[in-house]
N, C-alpha and C. Protein backbone atom coordinates (compact mmCIF):
# COMPACT_ATOMS: atom_id res chain seq x y z
N MET A 1 27.83 -88.33 -35.96
CA MET A 1 26.53 -87.91 -35.49
C MET A 1 26.60 -86.50 -34.89
N LYS A 2 27.72 -86.16 -34.28
CA LYS A 2 27.88 -84.85 -33.68
C LYS A 2 27.73 -83.74 -34.72
N SER A 3 28.31 -83.94 -35.90
CA SER A 3 28.22 -82.93 -36.96
C SER A 3 26.78 -82.73 -37.42
N THR A 4 25.99 -83.79 -37.46
CA THR A 4 24.60 -83.68 -37.86
C THR A 4 23.84 -82.80 -36.87
N ILE A 5 24.11 -82.94 -35.61
CA ILE A 5 23.47 -82.11 -34.59
C ILE A 5 23.85 -80.65 -34.81
N GLN A 6 25.09 -80.37 -35.16
CA GLN A 6 25.53 -79.01 -35.42
C GLN A 6 24.78 -78.41 -36.61
N VAL A 7 24.50 -79.23 -37.62
CA VAL A 7 23.75 -78.74 -38.79
C VAL A 7 22.38 -78.27 -38.34
N ILE A 8 21.71 -79.05 -37.53
CA ILE A 8 20.39 -78.68 -37.04
C ILE A 8 20.48 -77.37 -36.26
N GLU A 9 21.52 -77.18 -35.46
CA GLU A 9 21.68 -75.95 -34.71
C GLU A 9 21.92 -74.76 -35.64
N ILE A 10 22.68 -74.96 -36.71
CA ILE A 10 22.91 -73.88 -37.67
C ILE A 10 21.60 -73.48 -38.32
N ILE A 11 20.83 -74.44 -38.78
CA ILE A 11 19.55 -74.14 -39.42
C ILE A 11 18.61 -73.50 -38.41
N THR A 12 18.67 -73.93 -37.15
CA THR A 12 17.78 -73.41 -36.13
C THR A 12 17.92 -71.91 -35.96
N ALA A 13 19.05 -71.35 -36.33
CA ALA A 13 19.27 -69.92 -36.21
C ALA A 13 18.40 -69.12 -37.18
N THR A 14 17.79 -69.76 -38.14
CA THR A 14 16.94 -69.05 -39.10
C THR A 14 15.56 -68.80 -38.52
N GLU A 15 14.77 -68.10 -39.29
CA GLU A 15 13.40 -67.81 -38.85
C GLU A 15 12.51 -69.04 -38.87
N MET A 16 13.00 -70.17 -39.39
CA MET A 16 12.24 -71.41 -39.40
C MET A 16 12.62 -72.31 -38.24
N SER A 17 13.24 -71.76 -37.21
CA SER A 17 13.81 -72.56 -36.13
C SER A 17 12.78 -73.42 -35.41
N ALA A 18 11.61 -72.93 -35.17
CA ALA A 18 10.60 -73.70 -34.44
C ALA A 18 10.23 -74.98 -35.18
N ARG A 19 10.12 -74.89 -36.49
CA ARG A 19 9.77 -76.08 -37.28
C ARG A 19 10.90 -77.10 -37.28
N ILE A 20 12.12 -76.63 -37.35
CA ILE A 20 13.26 -77.55 -37.35
C ILE A 20 13.40 -78.23 -36.00
N GLN A 21 13.23 -77.46 -34.93
CA GLN A 21 13.31 -78.03 -33.59
C GLN A 21 12.22 -79.09 -33.41
N ALA A 22 11.03 -78.82 -33.93
CA ALA A 22 9.94 -79.79 -33.82
C ALA A 22 10.26 -81.07 -34.60
N ALA A 23 10.95 -80.93 -35.73
CA ALA A 23 11.31 -82.09 -36.53
C ALA A 23 12.35 -82.94 -35.83
N GLY A 24 13.25 -82.31 -35.07
CA GLY A 24 14.26 -83.04 -34.31
C GLY A 24 15.21 -83.85 -35.16
N MET A 25 15.72 -84.91 -34.60
CA MET A 25 16.71 -85.75 -35.27
C MET A 25 16.08 -86.99 -35.88
N ASN A 26 14.77 -87.12 -35.88
CA ASN A 26 14.11 -88.31 -36.42
C ASN A 26 14.48 -88.51 -37.88
N GLY A 27 14.92 -89.71 -38.20
CA GLY A 27 15.23 -90.05 -39.58
C GLY A 27 16.59 -89.60 -40.07
N MET A 28 17.42 -88.99 -39.21
CA MET A 28 18.75 -88.56 -39.64
C MET A 28 19.71 -89.75 -39.59
N PRO A 29 20.28 -90.14 -40.72
CA PRO A 29 21.20 -91.28 -40.75
C PRO A 29 22.59 -90.89 -40.26
N ASN A 30 23.43 -91.91 -40.00
CA ASN A 30 24.84 -91.66 -39.74
C ASN A 30 25.49 -91.28 -41.05
N LEU A 31 26.26 -90.21 -41.05
CA LEU A 31 26.80 -89.68 -42.30
C LEU A 31 28.32 -89.67 -42.29
N ASN A 32 28.90 -89.85 -43.49
CA ASN A 32 30.35 -89.72 -43.61
C ASN A 32 30.70 -88.25 -43.84
N ALA A 33 31.98 -87.93 -43.93
CA ALA A 33 32.43 -86.53 -44.04
C ALA A 33 31.89 -85.83 -45.28
N LYS A 34 31.87 -86.53 -46.42
CA LYS A 34 31.36 -85.92 -47.66
C LYS A 34 29.88 -85.58 -47.53
N GLU A 35 29.12 -86.51 -46.96
CA GLU A 35 27.69 -86.28 -46.77
C GLU A 35 27.45 -85.13 -45.79
N GLN A 36 28.22 -85.08 -44.74
CA GLN A 36 28.09 -83.99 -43.77
C GLN A 36 28.40 -82.65 -44.42
N GLY A 37 29.40 -82.63 -45.28
CA GLY A 37 29.75 -81.40 -45.99
C GLY A 37 28.60 -80.89 -46.84
N GLU A 38 27.91 -81.79 -47.50
CA GLU A 38 26.77 -81.36 -48.33
C GLU A 38 25.63 -80.84 -47.45
N ILE A 39 25.42 -81.43 -46.30
CA ILE A 39 24.37 -80.95 -45.40
C ILE A 39 24.74 -79.57 -44.86
N PHE A 40 26.01 -79.36 -44.53
CA PHE A 40 26.43 -78.02 -44.10
C PHE A 40 26.23 -77.00 -45.22
N LEU A 41 26.53 -77.39 -46.43
CA LEU A 41 26.34 -76.51 -47.58
C LEU A 41 24.85 -76.19 -47.78
N PHE A 42 24.00 -77.20 -47.60
CA PHE A 42 22.56 -76.98 -47.71
C PHE A 42 22.09 -76.01 -46.61
N SER A 43 22.62 -76.16 -45.42
CA SER A 43 22.29 -75.23 -44.33
C SER A 43 22.68 -73.81 -44.70
N GLU A 44 23.86 -73.67 -45.29
CA GLU A 44 24.32 -72.35 -45.72
C GLU A 44 23.38 -71.77 -46.78
N PHE A 45 22.94 -72.60 -47.72
CA PHE A 45 21.99 -72.17 -48.75
C PHE A 45 20.70 -71.65 -48.11
N LEU A 46 20.16 -72.41 -47.17
CA LEU A 46 18.92 -71.98 -46.50
C LEU A 46 19.11 -70.67 -45.75
N LEU A 47 20.21 -70.55 -45.04
CA LEU A 47 20.46 -69.34 -44.26
C LEU A 47 20.61 -68.11 -45.15
N GLN A 48 21.26 -68.26 -46.28
CA GLN A 48 21.52 -67.12 -47.14
C GLN A 48 20.36 -66.74 -48.05
N HIS A 49 19.55 -67.71 -48.45
CA HIS A 49 18.63 -67.45 -49.54
C HIS A 49 17.15 -67.66 -49.26
N ILE A 50 16.78 -68.21 -48.12
CA ILE A 50 15.37 -68.49 -47.86
C ILE A 50 14.89 -67.67 -46.67
N ARG A 51 13.77 -66.99 -46.86
CA ARG A 51 13.15 -66.20 -45.79
C ARG A 51 11.66 -66.53 -45.71
N ARG A 52 11.13 -66.53 -44.51
CA ARG A 52 9.69 -66.68 -44.33
C ARG A 52 9.03 -65.39 -44.79
N ASN A 53 7.97 -65.51 -45.55
CA ASN A 53 7.23 -64.35 -46.02
C ASN A 53 5.82 -64.84 -46.36
N GLN A 54 4.86 -64.53 -45.51
CA GLN A 54 3.51 -65.07 -45.64
C GLN A 54 2.80 -64.66 -46.94
N ILE A 55 3.24 -63.60 -47.56
CA ILE A 55 2.54 -63.17 -48.78
C ILE A 55 3.30 -63.54 -50.06
N LYS A 56 4.39 -64.25 -49.93
CA LYS A 56 5.18 -64.64 -51.10
C LYS A 56 5.19 -66.16 -51.24
N SER A 57 5.63 -66.61 -52.38
CA SER A 57 5.82 -68.02 -52.64
C SER A 57 6.88 -68.16 -53.72
N VAL A 58 7.42 -69.35 -53.85
CA VAL A 58 8.47 -69.58 -54.84
C VAL A 58 8.22 -70.93 -55.52
N GLN A 59 8.44 -70.97 -56.82
CA GLN A 59 8.24 -72.21 -57.57
C GLN A 59 9.20 -73.29 -57.06
N ARG A 60 8.68 -74.51 -56.96
CA ARG A 60 9.50 -75.63 -56.49
C ARG A 60 10.74 -75.82 -57.34
N MET A 61 10.57 -75.86 -58.65
CA MET A 61 11.71 -76.13 -59.53
C MET A 61 12.70 -74.97 -59.54
N LEU A 62 12.23 -73.75 -59.36
CA LEU A 62 13.15 -72.62 -59.28
C LEU A 62 14.04 -72.77 -58.05
N LEU A 63 13.45 -73.07 -56.91
CA LEU A 63 14.22 -73.21 -55.69
C LEU A 63 15.18 -74.39 -55.77
N TRP A 64 14.71 -75.50 -56.33
CA TRP A 64 15.57 -76.67 -56.53
C TRP A 64 16.76 -76.31 -57.42
N SER A 65 16.51 -75.63 -58.52
CA SER A 65 17.59 -75.27 -59.45
C SER A 65 18.57 -74.28 -58.80
N GLU A 66 18.08 -73.42 -57.94
CA GLU A 66 18.98 -72.49 -57.24
C GLU A 66 19.86 -73.25 -56.25
N TRP A 67 19.33 -74.29 -55.61
CA TRP A 67 20.14 -75.13 -54.72
C TRP A 67 21.24 -75.81 -55.54
N VAL A 68 20.88 -76.37 -56.69
CA VAL A 68 21.88 -77.03 -57.53
C VAL A 68 22.94 -76.03 -57.98
N ARG A 69 22.53 -74.86 -58.40
CA ARG A 69 23.47 -73.82 -58.83
C ARG A 69 24.41 -73.44 -57.68
N PHE A 70 23.85 -73.25 -56.49
CA PHE A 70 24.65 -72.90 -55.31
C PHE A 70 25.69 -73.99 -55.03
N HIS A 71 25.25 -75.26 -55.08
CA HIS A 71 26.15 -76.39 -54.83
C HIS A 71 27.25 -76.45 -55.89
N LEU A 72 26.88 -76.27 -57.14
CA LEU A 72 27.86 -76.31 -58.23
C LEU A 72 28.92 -75.21 -58.07
N LYS A 73 28.50 -74.01 -57.68
CA LYS A 73 29.46 -72.92 -57.51
C LYS A 73 30.43 -73.20 -56.37
N LYS A 74 29.95 -73.85 -55.32
CA LYS A 74 30.80 -74.11 -54.16
C LYS A 74 31.71 -75.32 -54.34
N THR A 75 31.24 -76.35 -55.06
CA THR A 75 31.98 -77.61 -55.11
C THR A 75 32.36 -78.08 -56.51
N ASN A 76 31.82 -77.47 -57.55
CA ASN A 76 31.99 -77.92 -58.93
C ASN A 76 31.46 -79.33 -59.16
N THR A 77 30.52 -79.77 -58.31
CA THR A 77 29.88 -81.07 -58.48
C THR A 77 28.37 -80.91 -58.27
N PHE A 78 27.63 -81.86 -58.84
CA PHE A 78 26.19 -81.90 -58.64
C PHE A 78 25.90 -82.47 -57.26
N PRO A 79 24.86 -82.01 -56.55
CA PRO A 79 24.57 -82.58 -55.22
C PRO A 79 24.33 -84.08 -55.30
N SER A 80 24.99 -84.82 -54.43
CA SER A 80 24.84 -86.28 -54.46
C SER A 80 23.93 -86.78 -53.34
N GLN A 81 23.80 -86.06 -52.26
CA GLN A 81 23.00 -86.50 -51.12
C GLN A 81 21.62 -85.84 -51.09
N ILE A 82 21.56 -84.58 -51.44
CA ILE A 82 20.29 -83.85 -51.41
C ILE A 82 19.86 -83.62 -52.86
N GLY A 83 19.26 -84.67 -53.41
CA GLY A 83 18.73 -84.59 -54.75
C GLY A 83 17.35 -83.94 -54.73
N GLU A 84 16.66 -84.00 -55.86
CA GLU A 84 15.37 -83.34 -55.98
C GLU A 84 14.35 -83.88 -54.97
N LYS A 85 14.28 -85.19 -54.84
CA LYS A 85 13.32 -85.79 -53.90
C LYS A 85 13.68 -85.44 -52.46
N GLU A 86 14.96 -85.56 -52.10
CA GLU A 86 15.40 -85.24 -50.74
C GLU A 86 15.17 -83.77 -50.42
N PHE A 87 15.43 -82.92 -51.40
CA PHE A 87 15.21 -81.49 -51.23
C PHE A 87 13.74 -81.23 -50.90
N ASP A 88 12.85 -81.83 -51.68
CA ASP A 88 11.43 -81.64 -51.46
C ASP A 88 11.00 -82.23 -50.11
N ASP A 89 11.55 -83.39 -49.76
CA ASP A 89 11.22 -83.99 -48.47
C ASP A 89 11.64 -83.09 -47.30
N ILE A 90 12.79 -82.46 -47.40
CA ILE A 90 13.26 -81.55 -46.35
C ILE A 90 12.34 -80.34 -46.28
N MET A 91 12.04 -79.75 -47.41
CA MET A 91 11.22 -78.54 -47.43
C MET A 91 9.81 -78.81 -46.91
N THR A 92 9.20 -79.91 -47.34
CA THR A 92 7.82 -80.17 -46.94
C THR A 92 7.73 -80.95 -45.64
N GLY A 93 8.65 -81.87 -45.40
CA GLY A 93 8.60 -82.70 -44.21
C GLY A 93 9.25 -82.07 -42.99
N LYS A 94 10.54 -81.85 -43.08
CA LYS A 94 11.29 -81.30 -41.95
C LYS A 94 10.93 -79.85 -41.65
N LEU A 95 10.78 -79.03 -42.70
CA LEU A 95 10.50 -77.61 -42.49
C LEU A 95 9.01 -77.29 -42.57
N ASN A 96 8.21 -78.29 -42.94
CA ASN A 96 6.75 -78.15 -42.93
C ASN A 96 6.26 -76.96 -43.77
N ILE A 97 6.81 -76.83 -44.95
CA ILE A 97 6.40 -75.77 -45.86
C ILE A 97 5.36 -76.35 -46.81
N ASN A 98 4.25 -75.68 -46.93
CA ASN A 98 3.15 -76.15 -47.77
C ASN A 98 3.47 -76.00 -49.24
N VAL A 99 2.99 -76.97 -50.01
CA VAL A 99 3.10 -76.90 -51.47
C VAL A 99 1.69 -76.69 -52.01
N VAL A 100 1.55 -75.68 -52.81
CA VAL A 100 0.27 -75.44 -53.47
C VAL A 100 0.50 -75.48 -54.97
N SER A 101 -0.56 -75.75 -55.70
CA SER A 101 -0.43 -75.85 -57.14
C SER A 101 -1.11 -74.66 -57.80
N LYS A 102 -0.34 -73.96 -58.59
CA LYS A 102 -0.86 -72.87 -59.40
C LYS A 102 -0.77 -73.33 -60.85
N ASN A 103 -1.88 -73.35 -61.54
CA ASN A 103 -1.90 -73.89 -62.89
C ASN A 103 -0.83 -73.29 -63.80
N PHE A 104 -0.70 -71.99 -63.79
CA PHE A 104 0.26 -71.33 -64.67
C PHE A 104 1.69 -71.55 -64.20
N PHE A 105 1.92 -71.47 -62.88
CA PHE A 105 3.27 -71.56 -62.32
C PHE A 105 3.66 -72.96 -61.90
N GLY A 106 2.73 -73.88 -61.80
CA GLY A 106 3.01 -75.22 -61.32
C GLY A 106 3.10 -75.24 -59.80
N PRO A 107 3.64 -76.31 -59.23
CA PRO A 107 3.73 -76.42 -57.77
C PRO A 107 4.66 -75.34 -57.19
N ILE A 108 4.24 -74.74 -56.10
CA ILE A 108 5.06 -73.71 -55.45
C ILE A 108 5.13 -73.97 -53.94
N TYR A 109 6.24 -73.54 -53.34
CA TYR A 109 6.36 -73.54 -51.89
C TYR A 109 5.72 -72.25 -51.41
N ASP A 110 4.72 -72.38 -50.56
CA ASP A 110 3.95 -71.24 -50.10
C ASP A 110 4.53 -70.68 -48.80
N GLY A 111 4.59 -69.36 -48.71
CA GLY A 111 5.00 -68.71 -47.48
C GLY A 111 6.50 -68.52 -47.31
N ILE A 112 7.26 -68.72 -48.38
CA ILE A 112 8.70 -68.45 -48.31
C ILE A 112 9.09 -67.58 -49.50
N GLN A 113 10.24 -66.97 -49.37
CA GLN A 113 10.76 -66.09 -50.41
C GLN A 113 12.19 -66.48 -50.70
N TYR A 114 12.56 -66.51 -51.97
CA TYR A 114 13.95 -66.74 -52.35
C TYR A 114 14.64 -65.38 -52.46
N ILE A 115 15.77 -65.25 -51.78
CA ILE A 115 16.56 -64.03 -51.81
C ILE A 115 17.78 -64.28 -52.71
N PRO A 116 17.86 -63.62 -53.87
CA PRO A 116 19.01 -63.83 -54.76
C PRO A 116 20.33 -63.44 -54.08
N ARG A 117 21.40 -63.94 -54.61
CA ARG A 117 22.74 -63.75 -54.04
C ARG A 117 23.06 -62.28 -53.76
N GLU A 118 22.73 -61.39 -54.68
CA GLU A 118 23.10 -59.99 -54.53
C GLU A 118 22.38 -59.32 -53.37
N TYR A 119 21.28 -59.93 -52.90
CA TYR A 119 20.54 -59.35 -51.78
C TYR A 119 20.68 -60.15 -50.49
N ALA A 120 21.31 -61.31 -50.57
CA ALA A 120 21.43 -62.20 -49.39
C ALA A 120 22.39 -61.63 -48.37
């Protein structure tokens, strides 16, 4: 449980800290070492690649695929704990990011920007 608290503190360092603090520890399960490692990796992904930007938005599936790519590069495995549904639940539930639907682009996360690796 101690490691889970550290993950929240790491994420809190981002510009989304107020939302994460408001979400607190509600719903966080007891995790084994492998699961904790994936959560730390997800925290690293958020810190490196996601920025608040009120005039930008990013497609849901693009951001999801970038998370999978990031995880694959770091571990050579597909994410086992933070799948597509969990990813969306974290983004919309824990981080309170709105999803809007654009007919041409499909569902998008509104108010955030994806920063590619070369600019992170």
